[in-house]
Amino acid sequence: MKKFLIALNIIIWSLVTYELAHAEATMKAVCHEVKGKQVCKTIKTHKKVEGTPVPERAPTPTKKKK
């Protein structure tokens, strides 16, 4: 009986972690202006899991003009 409960526990936690790891993403169109033209991209957005902080975005490096 003890082995059965351990196996059942492993199966349940495997299903839970699978669901968290394979969360569905939704597609979102993001548009911005570049040199007077509107450029649009389609990106994936994931649902934020409750209780986890949103990570800060790293600053993008800028090219120095000579």
N, C-alpha and C. Protein backbone atom coordinates (compact mmCIF):
# COMPACT_ATOMS: atom_id res chain seq x y z
N MET A 1 0.82 -1.20 0.00
CA MET A 1 0.00 0.00 0.00
C MET A 1 0.87 1.26 0.00
N LYS A 2 1.97 1.20 0.75
CA LYS A 2 2.85 2.36 0.85
C LYS A 2 3.48 2.67 -0.51
N LYS A 3 3.89 1.62 -1.24
CA LYS A 3 4.48 1.83 -2.58
C LYS A 3 3.45 2.42 -3.54
N PHE A 4 2.20 1.98 -3.41
CA PHE A 4 1.14 2.51 -4.26
C PHE A 4 0.93 4.00 -4.01
N LEU A 5 0.92 4.41 -2.75
CA LEU A 5 0.74 5.83 -2.42
C LEU A 5 1.92 6.67 -2.92
N ILE A 6 3.12 6.14 -2.82
CA ILE A 6 4.29 6.87 -3.33
C ILE A 6 4.20 7.02 -4.84
N ALA A 7 3.82 5.95 -5.53
CA ALA A 7 3.67 6.01 -6.99
C ALA A 7 2.57 7.00 -7.39
N LEU A 8 1.47 7.00 -6.68
CA LEU A 8 0.38 7.93 -6.96
C LEU A 8 0.82 9.37 -6.74
N ASN A 9 1.57 9.61 -5.69
CA ASN A 9 2.08 10.94 -5.40
C ASN A 9 3.01 11.42 -6.52
N ILE A 10 3.87 10.54 -7.01
CA ILE A 10 4.78 10.89 -8.11
C ILE A 10 3.99 11.23 -9.36
N ILE A 11 2.97 10.45 -9.66
CA ILE A 11 2.16 10.70 -10.86
C ILE A 11 1.45 12.04 -10.75
N ILE A 12 0.87 12.33 -9.61
CA ILE A 12 0.14 13.60 -9.43
C ILE A 12 1.09 14.79 -9.58
N TRP A 13 2.25 14.75 -8.93
CA TRP A 13 3.20 15.87 -9.03
C TRP A 13 3.79 15.99 -10.43
N SER A 14 3.91 14.89 -11.15
CA SER A 14 4.38 14.95 -12.53
C SER A 14 3.37 15.70 -13.40
N LEU A 15 2.09 15.42 -13.20
CA LEU A 15 1.05 16.12 -13.97
C LEU A 15 1.01 17.60 -13.63
N VAL A 16 1.18 17.94 -12.36
CA VAL A 16 1.15 19.34 -11.95
C VAL A 16 2.32 20.11 -12.56
N THR A 17 3.51 19.55 -12.49
CA THR A 17 4.68 20.25 -13.05
C THR A 17 4.61 20.31 -14.57
N TYR A 18 4.02 19.32 -15.22
CA TYR A 18 3.85 19.35 -16.67
C TYR A 18 2.94 20.52 -17.06
N GLU A 19 1.85 20.69 -16.34
CA GLU A 19 0.92 21.79 -16.64
C GLU A 19 1.59 23.14 -16.46
N LEU A 20 2.40 23.31 -15.44
CA LEU A 20 3.08 24.58 -15.21
C LEU A 20 4.15 24.83 -16.26
N ALA A 21 4.85 23.79 -16.67
CA ALA A 21 5.95 23.95 -17.62
C ALA A 21 5.44 24.18 -19.05
N HIS A 22 4.27 23.68 -19.37
CA HIS A 22 3.75 23.79 -20.72
C HIS A 22 2.53 24.71 -20.77
N ALA A 23 2.64 25.84 -20.12
CA ALA A 23 1.53 26.79 -20.12
C ALA A 23 1.36 27.36 -21.53
N GLU A 24 0.13 27.54 -21.91
CA GLU A 24 -0.14 28.04 -23.25
C GLU A 24 0.17 29.52 -23.35
N ALA A 25 0.71 29.91 -24.48
CA ALA A 25 1.01 31.31 -24.74
C ALA A 25 -0.03 31.87 -25.71
N THR A 26 -0.33 33.14 -25.55
CA THR A 26 -1.22 33.80 -26.50
C THR A 26 -0.38 34.70 -27.38
N MET A 27 -0.81 34.88 -28.60
CA MET A 27 -0.08 35.72 -29.55
C MET A 27 -0.61 37.15 -29.45
N LYS A 28 0.30 38.12 -29.46
CA LYS A 28 -0.07 39.52 -29.32
C LYS A 28 0.71 40.34 -30.34
N ALA A 29 0.03 41.25 -31.02
CA ALA A 29 0.69 42.12 -31.99
C ALA A 29 1.21 43.37 -31.28
N VAL A 30 2.50 43.66 -31.48
CA VAL A 30 3.14 44.82 -30.88
C VAL A 30 3.64 45.70 -32.01
N CYS A 31 3.24 46.96 -32.01
CA CYS A 31 3.63 47.89 -33.08
C CYS A 31 4.37 49.10 -32.49
N HIS A 32 5.37 49.59 -33.22
CA HIS A 32 6.08 50.80 -32.83
C HIS A 32 6.62 51.49 -34.08
N GLU A 33 7.01 52.75 -33.95
CA GLU A 33 7.49 53.54 -35.09
C GLU A 33 9.00 53.45 -35.20
N VAL A 34 9.48 53.22 -36.41
CA VAL A 34 10.92 53.23 -36.70
C VAL A 34 11.13 54.06 -37.95
N LYS A 35 11.80 55.20 -37.79
CA LYS A 35 12.12 56.11 -38.90
C LYS A 35 10.87 56.48 -39.70
N GLY A 36 9.79 56.78 -39.00
CA GLY A 36 8.56 57.22 -39.65
C GLY A 36 7.67 56.11 -40.15
N LYS A 37 8.11 54.87 -40.06
CA LYS A 37 7.29 53.74 -40.51
C LYS A 37 6.83 52.95 -39.30
N GLN A 38 5.64 52.40 -39.41
CA GLN A 38 5.13 51.58 -38.31
C GLN A 38 5.55 50.13 -38.54
N VAL A 39 6.23 49.56 -37.54
CA VAL A 39 6.71 48.19 -37.62
C VAL A 39 5.93 47.37 -36.59
N CYS A 40 5.39 46.25 -37.03
CA CYS A 40 4.62 45.39 -36.13
C CYS A 40 5.25 44.00 -36.07
N LYS A 41 5.23 43.43 -34.86
CA LYS A 41 5.71 42.07 -34.65
C LYS A 41 4.63 41.31 -33.88
N THR A 42 4.62 40.01 -34.07
CA THR A 42 3.73 39.15 -33.29
C THR A 42 4.60 38.42 -32.28
N ILE A 43 4.26 38.58 -30.99
CA ILE A 43 5.05 37.96 -29.93
C ILE A 43 4.16 37.04 -29.09
N LYS A 44 4.80 36.11 -28.39
CA LYS A 44 4.07 35.23 -27.48
C LYS A 44 4.06 35.87 -26.10
N THR A 45 2.91 35.85 -25.45
CA THR A 45 2.81 36.32 -24.08
C THR A 45 2.26 35.18 -23.23
N HIS A 46 2.85 34.99 -22.07
CA HIS A 46 2.43 33.93 -21.17
C HIS A 46 1.71 34.52 -19.98
N LYS A 47 0.80 33.76 -19.44
CA LYS A 47 0.07 34.17 -18.26
C LYS A 47 1.01 34.14 -17.07
N LYS A 48 1.01 35.20 -16.27
CA LYS A 48 1.87 35.28 -15.10
C LYS A 48 1.32 34.36 -14.02
N VAL A 49 2.20 33.55 -13.46
CA VAL A 49 1.81 32.65 -12.38
C VAL A 49 1.69 33.48 -11.10
N GLU A 50 0.62 33.28 -10.36
CA GLU A 50 0.38 34.04 -9.14
C GLU A 50 1.52 33.87 -8.15
N GLY A 51 1.94 34.98 -7.56
CA GLY A 51 2.96 34.93 -6.52
C GLY A 51 4.38 35.05 -7.03
N THR A 52 4.59 35.08 -8.34
CA THR A 52 5.95 35.23 -8.86
C THR A 52 6.15 36.66 -9.33
N PRO A 53 7.30 37.24 -9.05
CA PRO A 53 7.55 38.62 -9.48
C PRO A 53 7.82 38.69 -10.98
N VAL A 54 7.48 39.82 -11.58
CA VAL A 54 7.77 40.05 -12.98
C VAL A 54 9.23 40.50 -13.08
N PRO A 55 10.05 39.82 -13.88
CA PRO A 55 11.47 40.19 -13.95
C PRO A 55 11.66 41.54 -14.64
N GLU A 56 12.69 42.27 -14.18
CA GLU A 56 13.03 43.55 -14.80
C GLU A 56 13.66 43.28 -16.17
N ARG A 57 13.38 44.13 -17.11
CA ARG A 57 13.96 43.98 -18.44
C ARG A 57 15.34 44.63 -18.45
N ALA A 58 16.32 43.93 -19.01
CA ALA A 58 17.68 44.45 -19.08
C ALA A 58 17.72 45.60 -20.09
N PRO A 59 18.49 46.65 -19.80
CA PRO A 59 18.56 47.76 -20.75
C PRO A 59 19.23 47.32 -22.05
N THR A 60 18.68 47.79 -23.16
CA THR A 60 19.25 47.44 -24.45
C THR A 60 20.48 48.31 -24.72
N PRO A 61 21.54 47.69 -25.21
CA PRO A 61 22.74 48.48 -25.50
C PRO A 61 22.51 49.40 -26.69
N THR A 62 23.03 50.62 -26.58
CA THR A 62 22.89 51.58 -27.68
C THR A 62 24.22 51.73 -28.37
N LYS A 63 24.14 51.94 -29.68
CA LYS A 63 25.37 52.13 -30.46
C LYS A 63 25.80 53.58 -30.34
N LYS A 64 27.09 53.77 -30.14
CA LYS A 64 27.62 55.13 -30.04
C LYS A 64 27.93 55.65 -31.43
N LYS A 65 27.53 56.88 -31.68
CA LYS A 65 27.84 57.51 -32.97
C LYS A 65 29.22 58.13 -32.88
N LYS A 66 29.97 57.96 -33.94
CA LYS A 66 31.33 58.52 -33.97
C LYS A 66 31.33 59.91 -34.53
